Amino acid sequence: MSSVRMRLDPEAVASSGRALAGIAQRMADDVAVLETTVTGPGNPWGDDESGGVFAIAYQAVLGHALQALGSHVQQMGEAALTLTEQARAVAATDAAAAAALRAES
C-alpha cells in the first residue's frame, strides 16, 4: 500500500473561494440586469404586433433560461463557500496537529 501526500495552501484556497464568490456575485448582478431588460417596460422587441408575437414565444423560453442561469449562480456561490470552509478546516487541522506535536515535545 502506498501513501499519498497532498499539499494544500489554505490561504490560496480561501483566496480562490473569495474570487469565486466575486464571480458568482457578478453573475447574479448580470442575470438581474438581463431579467430587468427583457421583462421591463422598455422591452427590446417593441410594442408592435410582430414584437408582441415574438415576446410571447420569447418569454415562454425566458423563464427556463433565467432559472438555469440562477442555478449556475447558486452553484458558483456554493463552490465558493465550500472552498472557504475547506481552507478553514485544513488550517484548523494543521494548527491542532502542530499544537499536539509541541505538547509532546
Protein backbone atom coordinates (compact mmCIF):
# COMPACT_ATOMS: atom_id res chain seq x y z
CA MET A 1 0.00 0.00 0.00
CA SER A 2 1.37 3.41 -0.89
CA SER A 3 0.91 6.65 0.91
CA VAL A 4 -0.19 9.71 -1.00
CA ARG A 5 0.74 13.18 0.22
CA MET A 6 -1.17 16.26 -0.66
CA ARG A 7 -0.03 19.80 -0.10
CA LEU A 8 -2.64 22.48 0.28
CA ASP A 9 -2.11 26.15 0.96
CA PRO A 10 -5.18 27.19 2.97
CA GLU A 11 -4.75 30.88 2.17
CA ALA A 12 -4.54 30.17 -1.58
CA VAL A 13 -7.68 28.03 -1.38
CA ALA A 14 -9.50 30.70 0.67
CA SER A 15 -8.39 33.33 -1.84
CA SER A 16 -9.79 31.22 -4.67
CA GLY A 17 -13.04 30.89 -2.74
CA ARG A 18 -13.27 34.67 -2.34
CA ALA A 19 -12.53 35.18 -6.04
CA LEU A 20 -15.19 32.65 -6.98
CA ALA A 21 -17.69 34.37 -4.68
CA GLY A 22 -16.97 37.63 -6.52
CA ILE A 23 -17.61 35.94 -9.85
CA ALA A 24 -20.88 34.48 -8.54
CA GLN A 25 -21.97 37.94 -7.37
CA ARG A 26 -21.17 39.49 -10.77
CA MET A 27 -23.10 36.69 -12.46
CA ALA A 28 -26.08 37.31 -10.18
CA ASP A 29 -25.94 41.03 -10.96
CA ASP A 30 -25.77 40.34 -14.71
CA VAL A 31 -28.72 37.93 -14.55
CA ALA A 32 -30.74 40.57 -12.68
CA VAL A 33 -29.92 43.18 -15.33
CA LEU A 34 -30.85 40.73 -18.09
CA GLU A 35 -34.15 39.89 -16.41
CA THR A 36 -34.99 43.58 -15.92
CA THR A 37 -34.12 44.35 -19.53
CA VAL A 38 -36.23 41.62 -21.11
CA THR A 39 -39.21 41.81 -18.75
CA GLY A 40 -39.24 45.53 -18.01
CA PRO A 41 -41.34 48.22 -19.64
CA GLY A 42 -38.61 49.09 -22.13
CA ASN A 43 -38.53 45.58 -23.57
CA PRO A 44 -36.23 45.03 -26.55
CA TRP A 45 -38.85 43.77 -29.03
CA GLY A 46 -41.07 46.83 -29.18
CA ASP A 47 -44.80 47.40 -28.90
CA ASP A 48 -45.95 46.49 -32.41
CA GLU A 49 -47.83 43.32 -33.37
CA SER A 50 -44.82 41.32 -34.56
CA GLY A 51 -42.93 42.33 -31.42
CA GLY A 52 -45.85 41.13 -29.31
CA VAL A 53 -45.89 37.74 -31.07
CA PHE A 54 -42.15 37.42 -30.61
CA ALA A 55 -42.45 38.39 -26.94
CA ILE A 56 -44.93 35.59 -26.24
CA ALA A 57 -42.60 32.95 -27.68
CA TYR A 58 -39.51 34.50 -26.15
CA GLN A 59 -40.98 34.80 -22.67
CA ALA A 60 -42.05 31.15 -22.75
CA VAL A 61 -38.38 30.19 -23.02
CA LEU A 62 -37.09 33.05 -20.87
CA GLY A 63 -38.32 31.60 -17.58
CA HIS A 64 -36.39 28.38 -18.14
CA ALA A 65 -33.26 30.24 -19.17
CA LEU A 66 -33.34 32.54 -16.15
CA GLN A 67 -33.92 29.55 -13.88
CA ALA A 68 -30.90 27.76 -15.38
CA LEU A 69 -28.73 30.86 -15.01
CA GLY A 70 -29.88 31.26 -11.42
CA SER A 71 -28.94 27.64 -10.76
CA HIS A 72 -25.44 28.25 -12.14
CA VAL A 73 -25.06 31.31 -9.92
CA GLN A 74 -26.15 29.29 -6.89
CA GLN A 75 -23.69 26.50 -7.71
CA MET A 76 -20.85 29.01 -8.06
CA GLY A 77 -21.75 30.51 -4.69
CA GLU A 78 -21.86 27.08 -3.06
CA ALA A 79 -18.48 26.17 -4.57
CA ALA A 80 -17.02 29.42 -3.24
CA LEU A 81 -18.37 28.69 0.23
CA THR A 82 -17.05 25.12 0.13
CA LEU A 83 -13.57 26.28 -0.84
CA THR A 84 -13.52 28.78 2.01
CA GLU A 85 -14.79 26.21 4.52
CA GLN A 86 -12.22 23.66 3.36
CA ALA A 87 -9.43 26.20 3.74
CA ARG A 88 -10.53 26.92 7.33
CA ALA A 89 -10.79 23.20 8.12
CA VAL A 90 -7.30 22.48 6.78
CA ALA A 91 -5.83 25.43 8.66
CA ALA A 92 -7.55 24.33 11.89
CA THR A 93 -6.37 20.73 11.45
CA ASP A 94 -2.81 21.91 10.80
CA ALA A 95 -2.90 24.16 13.86
CA ALA A 96 -4.23 21.35 16.06
CA ALA A 97 -1.59 18.92 14.79
CA ALA A 98 1.17 21.47 15.38
CA ALA A 99 -0.11 22.12 18.91
CA ALA A 100 -0.20 18.38 19.62
CA LEU A 101 3.37 17.99 18.38
CA ARG A 102 4.54 20.87 20.57
CA ALA A 103 2.76 19.37 23.58
CA GLU A 104 4.52 16.04 23.07
CA SER A 105 8.00 17.55 22.94
